[in-house]
Amino acid sequence: MCGRFDQSQTARYYASVFGWTDAVYDSESSPAWNVSPGSYRPLLHLQDGERRIDDVFWSYRARWADGKVPITINARLDKLDKRYWRGLLKKGRAIVPAEGWYEWTGEKGHKQPWHIHRRDRAPLFMLALANFGGFTENRAEAGFVIVTDAAGEGMLDIHDRRPVVVEAADAELWLDPDLSPEQALELARSAALPPEAFEWYKVTPAVNRAGAQDPQMALPLLDS
């Protein structure tokens, strides 16, 4: 899964790396080393053919599903063809740029966080689904989720699921409105970076506290 991530560069930096120097910005987010669900974070997406970077709430529940399903922060790739996700898969595809994400090992009360990132330290482009409309009662009606898949051999010691991360060119394809939902699913399955593209290291337990922010959080934990 992906319950926290490191988005410690500016939205303009991510847009520049992505090749979207002409994007329309509606983002006031500051860099964050420990992004938690329930916060607004910049997403890359297309709206009426316009490249946009908008702050969107990280958590989602469809308006009609209030009281029927829980609010969620991730969406399983193997469930995206279900009715619940079908509309967002067609019109709500987005990209979450980041430096890495966090997972935990160990027993409750002694959880050890790990920072997972690309071996080449290039930015991550994580597949996402979002409702870019408004909400009536719950902010999660207009929120986003990160698409996840099985972790694959090599990453199972950290967690059994991981976000679907792709190269920039494939991220552009994911956003293409001419790509059908079926084609988008196939792209997500075939273009996901393999486990060997990533590495990870232990970081400070300060990451365990939601909302805590410090550049040191994303650095390797020194051996005591």
C-alpha atoms as a PDB file:
ATOM      1  CA  MET A   1       0.000   0.000   0.000  1.00  0.00           C
ATOM      2  CA  CYS A   2       1.033   3.622   0.253  1.00  0.00           C
ATOM      3  CA  GLY A   3       0.092   5.362   3.482  1.00  0.00           C
ATOM      4  CA  ARG A   4       2.672   8.165   3.463  1.00  0.00           C
ATOM      5  CA  PHE A   5       4.907   9.634   0.804  1.00  0.00           C
ATOM      6  CA  ASP A   6       7.776  12.061   0.359  1.00  0.00           C
ATOM      7  CA  GLN A   7       6.883  14.982  -1.927  1.00  0.00           C
ATOM      8  CA  SER A   8       9.746  17.227  -0.910  1.00  0.00           C
ATOM      9  CA  GLN A   9      10.132  19.191  -4.130  1.00  0.00           C
ATOM     10  CA  THR A  10       7.912  22.006  -5.385  1.00  0.00           C
ATOM     11  CA  ALA A  11       5.040  21.452  -7.774  1.00  0.00           C
ATOM     12  CA  ARG A  12       6.865  23.570 -10.349  1.00  0.00           C
ATOM     13  CA  TYR A  13       9.920  21.352 -10.070  1.00  0.00           C
ATOM     14  CA  TYR A  14       7.869  18.220 -10.733  1.00  0.00           C
ATOM     15  CA  ALA A  15       6.121  19.899 -13.659  1.00  0.00           C
ATOM     16  CA  SER A  16       9.474  20.905 -15.129  1.00  0.00           C
ATOM     17  CA  VAL A  17      10.898  17.385 -14.803  1.00  0.00           C
ATOM     18  CA  PHE A  18       7.710  16.051 -16.379  1.00  0.00           C
ATOM     19  CA  GLY A  19       8.076  18.476 -19.300  1.00  0.00           C
ATOM     20  CA  TRP A  20       5.018  20.534 -18.370  1.00  0.00           C
ATOM     21  CA  THR A  21       6.590  23.978 -18.246  1.00  0.00           C
ATOM     22  CA  ASP A  22       3.374  25.439 -19.719  1.00  0.00           C
ATOM     23  CA  ALA A  23       1.073  23.898 -17.095  1.00  0.00           C
ATOM     24  CA  VAL A  24      -1.620  25.934 -15.362  1.00  0.00           C
ATOM     25  CA  TYR A  25      -0.977  26.039 -11.625  1.00  0.00           C
ATOM     26  CA  ASP A  26      -3.617  26.050  -8.923  1.00  0.00           C
ATOM     27  CA  SER A  27      -1.357  24.719  -6.187  1.00  0.00           C
ATOM     28  CA  GLU A  28      -0.332  26.402  -2.963  1.00  0.00           C
ATOM     29  CA  SER A  29       1.281  23.301  -1.465  1.00  0.00           C
ATOM     30  CA  SER A  30       4.708  23.515   0.071  1.00  0.00           C
ATOM     31  CA  PRO A  31       7.242  20.677  -0.172  1.00  0.00           C
ATOM     32  CA  ALA A  32       6.487  17.958   2.393  1.00  0.00           C
ATOM     33  CA  TRP A  33       8.691  15.071   3.543  1.00  0.00           C
ATOM     34  CA  ASN A  34       5.892  13.185   5.287  1.00  0.00           C
ATOM     35  CA  VAL A  35       2.615  13.517   3.392  1.00  0.00           C
ATOM     36  CA  SER A  36      -0.329  12.020   5.258  1.00  0.00           C
ATOM     37  CA  PRO A  37      -3.840  11.165   4.085  1.00  0.00           C
ATOM     38  CA  GLY A  38      -6.285  14.005   4.605  1.00  0.00           C
ATOM     39  CA  SER A  39      -3.951  16.664   3.213  1.00  0.00           C
ATOM     40  CA  TYR A  40      -4.142  18.544  -0.084  1.00  0.00           C
ATOM     41  CA  ARG A  41      -1.310  17.712  -2.471  1.00  0.00           C
ATOM     42  CA  PRO A  42      -0.457  18.707  -6.069  1.00  0.00           C
ATOM     43  CA  LEU A  43      -1.497  16.318  -8.843  1.00  0.00           C
ATOM     44  CA  LEU A  44      -0.756  16.447 -12.569  1.00  0.00           C
ATOM     45  CA  HIS A  45      -3.780  16.007 -14.821  1.00  0.00           C
ATOM     46  CA  LEU A  46      -5.438  17.135 -18.033  1.00  0.00           C
ATOM     47  CA  GLN A  47      -8.653  19.157 -18.010  1.00  0.00           C
ATOM     48  CA  ASP A  48     -10.311  20.033 -21.313  1.00  0.00           C
ATOM     49  CA  GLY A  49      -6.956  19.540 -23.009  1.00  0.00           C
ATOM     50  CA  GLU A  50      -5.181  21.859 -20.570  1.00  0.00           C
ATOM     51  CA  ARG A  51      -2.194  20.689 -18.551  1.00  0.00           C
ATOM     52  CA  ARG A  52      -2.956  21.423 -14.912  1.00  0.00           C
ATOM     53  CA  ILE A  53      -1.398  21.053 -11.478  1.00  0.00           C
ATOM     54  CA  ASP A  54      -4.069  21.214  -8.798  1.00  0.00           C
ATOM     55  CA  ASP A  55      -4.107  20.564  -5.063  1.00  0.00           C
ATOM     56  CA  VAL A  56      -6.414  17.631  -4.324  1.00  0.00           C
ATOM     57  CA  PHE A  57      -7.471  16.007  -1.051  1.00  0.00           C
ATOM     58  CA  TRP A  58      -5.758  12.657  -0.407  1.00  0.00           C
ATOM     59  CA  SER A  59      -8.674  10.334   0.464  1.00  0.00           C
ATOM     60  CA  TYR A  60     -11.742   9.394  -1.531  1.00  0.00           C
ATOM     61  CA  ARG A  61     -15.243   8.049  -1.188  1.00  0.00           C
ATOM     62  CA  ALA A  62     -17.876   8.410  -3.874  1.00  0.00           C
ATOM     63  CA  ARG A  63     -20.773  10.637  -2.853  1.00  0.00           C
ATOM     64  CA  TRP A  64     -23.329   7.879  -3.437  1.00  0.00           C
ATOM     65  CA  ALA A  65     -21.297   5.467  -1.284  1.00  0.00           C
ATOM     66  CA  ASP A  66     -21.467   7.501   1.941  1.00  0.00           C
ATOM     67  CA  GLY A  67     -22.226   5.062   4.751  1.00  0.00           C
ATOM     68  CA  LYS A  68     -21.779   2.096   2.421  1.00  0.00           C
ATOM     69  CA  VAL A  69     -18.017   1.886   1.922  1.00  0.00           C
ATOM     70  CA  PRO A  70     -15.133   3.347   3.926  1.00  0.00           C
ATOM     71  CA  ILE A  71     -13.050   6.299   2.840  1.00  0.00           C
ATOM     72  CA  THR A  72      -9.915   4.973   1.136  1.00  0.00           C
ATOM     73  CA  ILE A  73      -6.489   6.320   0.180  1.00  0.00           C
ATOM     74  CA  ASN A  74      -5.471   3.627  -2.314  1.00  0.00           C
ATOM     75  CA  ALA A  75      -7.171   1.684  -5.090  1.00  0.00           C
ATOM     76  CA  ARG A  76      -6.134  -1.833  -6.034  1.00  0.00           C
ATOM     77  CA  LEU A  77      -5.189  -2.205  -9.684  1.00  0.00           C
ATOM     78  CA  ASP A  78      -7.077  -5.485  -9.919  1.00  0.00           C
ATOM     79  CA  LYS A  79     -10.286  -3.744  -8.780  1.00  0.00           C
ATOM     80  CA  LEU A  80     -10.245  -0.758 -11.117  1.00  0.00           C
ATOM     81  CA  ASP A  81     -12.612  -2.410 -13.596  1.00  0.00           C
ATOM     82  CA  LYS A  82     -15.331  -2.568 -10.925  1.00  0.00           C
ATOM     83  CA  ARG A  83     -18.299  -0.170 -10.969  1.00  0.00           C
ATOM     84  CA  TYR A  84     -16.980   1.869  -8.060  1.00  0.00           C
ATOM     85  CA  TRP A  85     -13.858   3.002  -9.942  1.00  0.00           C
ATOM     86  CA  ARG A  86     -15.106   2.923 -13.520  1.00  0.00           C
ATOM     87  CA  GLY A  87     -15.987   6.611 -13.773  1.00  0.00           C
ATOM     88  CA  LEU A  88     -12.678   7.809 -12.351  1.00  0.00           C
ATOM     89  CA  LEU A  89     -10.731   5.391 -14.533  1.00  0.00           C
ATOM     90  CA  LYS A  90     -12.359   7.005 -17.548  1.00  0.00           C
ATOM     91  CA  LYS A  91     -12.224  10.695 -16.593  1.00  0.00           C
ATOM     92  CA  GLY A  92     -10.187  11.031 -13.414  1.00  0.00           C
ATOM     93  CA  ARG A  93      -6.729   9.724 -14.211  1.00  0.00           C
ATOM     94  CA  ALA A  94      -3.933  11.699 -12.573  1.00  0.00           C
ATOM     95  CA  ILE A  95      -0.274  11.498 -11.549  1.00  0.00           C
ATOM     96  CA  VAL A  96       1.160  12.014  -8.065  1.00  0.00           C
ATOM     97  CA  PRO A  97       4.814  13.100  -8.322  1.00  0.00           C
ATOM     98  CA  ALA A  98       7.039  12.246  -5.378  1.00  0.00           C
ATOM     99  CA  GLU A  99      10.550  11.407  -4.215  1.00  0.00           C
ATOM    100  CA  GLY A 100       9.517   8.178  -2.502  1.00  0.00           C
ATOM    101  CA  TRP A 101       7.027   6.557  -0.194  1.00  0.00           C
ATOM    102  CA  TYR A 102       7.133   4.996   3.283  1.00  0.00           C
ATOM    103  CA  GLU A 103       6.326   1.520   4.567  1.00  0.00           C
ATOM    104  CA  TRP A 104       6.710  -0.036   8.005  1.00  0.00           C
ATOM    105  CA  THR A 105       8.026  -3.282   9.443  1.00  0.00           C
ATOM    106  CA  GLY A 106       7.959  -4.606  12.996  1.00  0.00           C
ATOM    107  CA  GLU A 107       5.371  -5.088  15.710  1.00  0.00           C
ATOM    108  CA  LYS A 108       2.810  -2.539  16.849  1.00  0.00           C
ATOM    109  CA  GLY A 109       4.460  -0.036  19.141  1.00  0.00           C
ATOM    110  CA  HIS A 110       7.859  -0.758  17.595  1.00  0.00           C
ATOM    111  CA  LYS A 111       7.227   0.061  13.949  1.00  0.00           C
ATOM    112  CA  GLN A 112      10.270   0.849  11.844  1.00  0.00           C
ATOM    113  CA  PRO A 113       9.627   3.153   8.859  1.00  0.00           C
ATOM    114  CA  TRP A 114      11.437   2.688   5.540  1.00  0.00           C
ATOM    115  CA  HIS A 115      11.888   5.182   2.725  1.00  0.00           C
ATOM    116  CA  ILE A 116      11.400   3.526  -0.685  1.00  0.00           C
ATOM    117  CA  HIS A 117      12.631   5.320  -3.817  1.00  0.00           C
ATOM    118  CA  ARG A 118      14.066   4.765  -7.270  1.00  0.00           C
ATOM    119  CA  ARG A 119      17.640   3.504  -7.346  1.00  0.00           C
ATOM    120  CA  ASP A 120      18.569   6.340  -9.718  1.00  0.00           C
ATOM    121  CA  ARG A 121      16.827   8.823  -7.355  1.00  0.00           C
ATOM    122  CA  ALA A 122      14.683  10.180 -10.185  1.00  0.00           C
ATOM    123  CA  PRO A 123      11.229  11.459  -9.179  1.00  0.00           C
ATOM    124  CA  LEU A 124       8.425   8.936  -8.955  1.00  0.00           C
ATOM    125  CA  PHE A 125       5.316   9.277 -11.101  1.00  0.00           C
ATOM    126  CA  MET A 126       2.612   7.338  -9.261  1.00  0.00           C
ATOM    127  CA  LEU A 127      -0.658   6.493 -10.989  1.00  0.00           C
ATOM    128  CA  ALA A 128      -3.709   8.001  -9.318  1.00  0.00           C
ATOM    129  CA  LEU A 129      -7.453   8.433  -9.726  1.00  0.00           C
ATOM    130  CA  ALA A 130      -9.213  11.599  -8.640  1.00  0.00           C
ATOM    131  CA  ASN A 131     -12.529  13.384  -8.627  1.00  0.00           C
ATOM    132  CA  PHE A 132     -11.690  16.961  -9.586  1.00  0.00           C
ATOM    133  CA  GLY A 133     -15.209  18.214  -8.945  1.00  0.00           C
ATOM    134  CA  GLY A 134     -16.660  19.690  -5.782  1.00  0.00           C
ATOM    135  CA  PHE A 135     -18.078  18.025  -2.678  1.00  0.00           C
ATOM    136  CA  THR A 136     -21.319  18.509  -0.768  1.00  0.00           C
ATOM    137  CA  GLU A 137     -20.793  17.006   2.690  1.00  0.00           C
ATOM    138  CA  ASN A 138     -17.466  15.175   2.892  1.00  0.00           C
ATOM    139  CA  ARG A 139     -14.193  16.468   1.464  1.00  0.00           C
ATOM    140  CA  ALA A 140     -13.329  12.924   0.399  1.00  0.00           C
ATOM    141  CA  GLU A 141     -16.004  13.157  -2.305  1.00  0.00           C
ATOM    142  CA  ALA A 142     -13.516  15.318  -4.229  1.00  0.00           C
ATOM    143  CA  GLY A 143     -10.299  13.488  -3.468  1.00  0.00           C
ATOM    144  CA  PHE A 144      -7.708  11.167  -4.933  1.00  0.00           C
ATOM    145  CA  VAL A 145      -6.346   7.665  -4.400  1.00  0.00           C
ATOM    146  CA  ILE A 146      -3.032   6.120  -5.389  1.00  0.00           C
ATOM    147  CA  VAL A 147      -3.208   3.003  -7.552  1.00  0.00           C
ATOM    148  CA  THR A 148      -1.447   0.025  -5.948  1.00  0.00           C
ATOM    149  CA  ASP A 149      -0.478  -3.470  -7.016  1.00  0.00           C
ATOM    150  CA  ALA A 150       1.219  -6.519  -5.515  1.00  0.00           C
ATOM    151  CA  ALA A 151       4.733  -5.658  -4.394  1.00  0.00           C
ATOM    152  CA  GLY A 152       6.443  -8.438  -6.295  1.00  0.00           C
ATOM    153  CA  GLU A 153       9.404 -10.523  -5.266  1.00  0.00           C
ATOM    154  CA  GLY A 154      12.180  -8.494  -3.777  1.00  0.00           C
ATOM    155  CA  MET A 155       9.925  -6.037  -1.958  1.00  0.00           C
ATOM    156  CA  LEU A 156       7.806  -8.442   0.079  1.00  0.00           C
ATOM    157  CA  ASP A 157      10.025  -8.062   3.134  1.00  0.00           C
ATOM    158  CA  ILE A 158       8.878  -4.446   3.347  1.00  0.00           C
ATOM    159  CA  HIS A 159       5.226  -4.726   2.310  1.00  0.00           C
ATOM    160  CA  ASP A 160       3.038  -6.889   0.103  1.00  0.00           C
ATOM    161  CA  ARG A 161       1.694  -3.941  -1.907  1.00  0.00           C
ATOM    162  CA  ARG A 162       3.220  -0.893  -3.548  1.00  0.00           C
ATOM    163  CA  PRO A 163       2.121   2.110  -5.622  1.00  0.00           C
ATOM    164  CA  VAL A 164       2.177   1.705  -9.396  1.00  0.00           C
ATOM    165  CA  VAL A 165       5.114   3.852 -10.545  1.00  0.00           C
ATOM    166  CA  VAL A 166       5.843   4.456 -14.229  1.00  0.00           C
ATOM    167  CA  GLU A 167       8.297   6.404 -16.377  1.00  0.00           C
ATOM    168  CA  ALA A 168       7.327   9.924 -17.463  1.00  0.00           C
ATOM    169  CA  ALA A 169       6.407   8.848 -21.006  1.00  0.00           C
ATOM    170  CA  ASP A 170       4.003   6.211 -19.696  1.00  0.00           C
ATOM    171  CA  ALA A 171       2.597   8.689 -17.192  1.00  0.00           C
ATOM    172  CA  GLU A 172       1.770  10.970 -20.137  1.00  0.00           C
ATOM    173  CA  LEU A 173      -0.062   8.084 -21.793  1.00  0.00           C
ATOM    174  CA  TRP A 174      -2.020   7.394 -18.575  1.00  0.00           C
ATOM    175  CA  LEU A 175      -3.288  10.982 -18.690  1.00  0.00           C
ATOM    176  CA  ASP A 176      -4.262  10.881 -22.369  1.00  0.00           C
ATOM    177  CA  PRO A 177      -8.084  11.210 -22.551  1.00  0.00           C
ATOM    178  CA  ASP A 178      -8.076   9.241 -25.817  1.00  0.00           C
ATOM    179  CA  LEU A 179      -6.803   6.207 -23.935  1.00  0.00           C
ATOM    180  CA  SER A 180      -9.762   3.969 -23.115  1.00  0.00           C
ATOM    181  CA  PRO A 181     -10.228   2.584 -19.582  1.00  0.00           C
ATOM    182  CA  GLU A 182      -9.280  -0.854 -20.875  1.00  0.00           C
ATOM    183  CA  GLN A 183      -6.106   0.508 -22.447  1.00  0.00           C
ATOM    184  CA  ALA A 184      -5.301   2.436 -19.275  1.00  0.00           C
ATOM    185  CA  LEU A 185      -5.546  -0.768 -17.242  1.00  0.00           C
ATOM    186  CA  GLU A 186      -3.266  -2.594 -19.633  1.00  0.00           C
ATOM    187  CA  LEU A 187      -0.781   0.268 -19.481  1.00  0.00           C
ATOM    188  CA  ALA A 188      -0.769   0.172 -15.671  1.00  0.00           C
ATOM    189  CA  ARG A 189      -0.129  -3.567 -15.703  1.00  0.00           C
ATOM    190  CA  SER A 190       2.606  -3.539 -18.336  1.00  0.00           C
ATOM    191  CA  ALA A 191       4.444  -0.269 -17.644  1.00  0.00           C
ATOM    192  CA  ALA A 192       4.852  -0.460 -13.858  1.00  0.00           C
ATOM    193  CA  LEU A 193       8.497  -0.252 -12.870  1.00  0.00           C
ATOM    194  CA  PRO A 194       9.798  -3.601 -11.578  1.00  0.00           C
ATOM    195  CA  PRO A 195      10.919  -4.162  -7.968  1.00  0.00           C
ATOM    196  CA  GLU A 196      14.581  -3.986  -8.987  1.00  0.00           C
ATOM    197  CA  ALA A 197      14.086  -0.327  -9.979  1.00  0.00           C
ATOM    198  CA  PHE A 198      13.749   0.555  -6.277  1.00  0.00           C
ATOM    199  CA  GLU A 199      15.830   0.575  -3.128  1.00  0.00           C
ATOM    200  CA  TRP A 200      15.022   1.406   0.482  1.00  0.00           C
ATOM    201  CA  TYR A 201      16.551   2.270   3.835  1.00  0.00           C
ATOM    202  CA  LYS A 202      15.443   2.789   7.425  1.00  0.00           C
ATOM    203  CA  VAL A 203      14.469   6.307   8.473  1.00  0.00           C
ATOM    204  CA  THR A 204      13.707   7.979  11.774  1.00  0.00           C
ATOM    205  CA  PRO A 205      10.604   6.845  13.715  1.00  0.00           C
ATOM    206  CA  ALA A 206       9.588  10.526  13.712  1.00  0.00           C
ATOM    207  CA  VAL A 207       7.893   9.674  10.408  1.00  0.00           C
ATOM    208  CA  ASN A 208       5.352   7.681  12.444  1.00  0.00           C
ATOM    209  CA  ARG A 209       3.724  10.895  13.634  1.00  0.00           C
ATOM    210  CA  ALA A 210       1.265  12.193  11.056  1.00  0.00           C
ATOM    211  CA  GLY A 211       1.880  15.807  10.219  1.00  0.00           C
ATOM    212  CA  ALA A 212       5.492  15.855  11.398  1.00  0.00           C
ATOM    213  CA  GLN A 213       7.797  17.498   8.863  1.00  0.00           C
ATOM    214  CA  ASP A 214      11.578  17.683   8.733  1.00  0.00           C
ATOM    215  CA  PRO A 215      14.097  17.259   5.877  1.00  0.00           C
ATOM    216  CA  GLN A 216      15.963  14.750   8.049  1.00  0.00           C
ATOM    217  CA  MET A 217      13.004  12.368   7.856  1.00  0.00           C
ATOM    218  CA  ALA A 218      13.869  11.269   4.352  1.00  0.00           C
ATOM    219  CA  LEU A 219      17.536  10.561   5.127  1.00  0.00           C
ATOM    220  CA  PRO A 220      18.958   7.148   6.046  1.00  0.00           C
ATOM    221  CA  LEU A 221      18.878   6.324   9.745  1.00  0.00           C
ATOM    222  CA  LEU A 222      22.408   6.254  11.102  1.00  0.00           C
ATOM    223  CA  ASP A 223      23.371   3.031  12.831  1.00  0.00           C
ATOM    224  CA  SER A 224      23.578   3.465  16.589  1.00  0.00           C
END
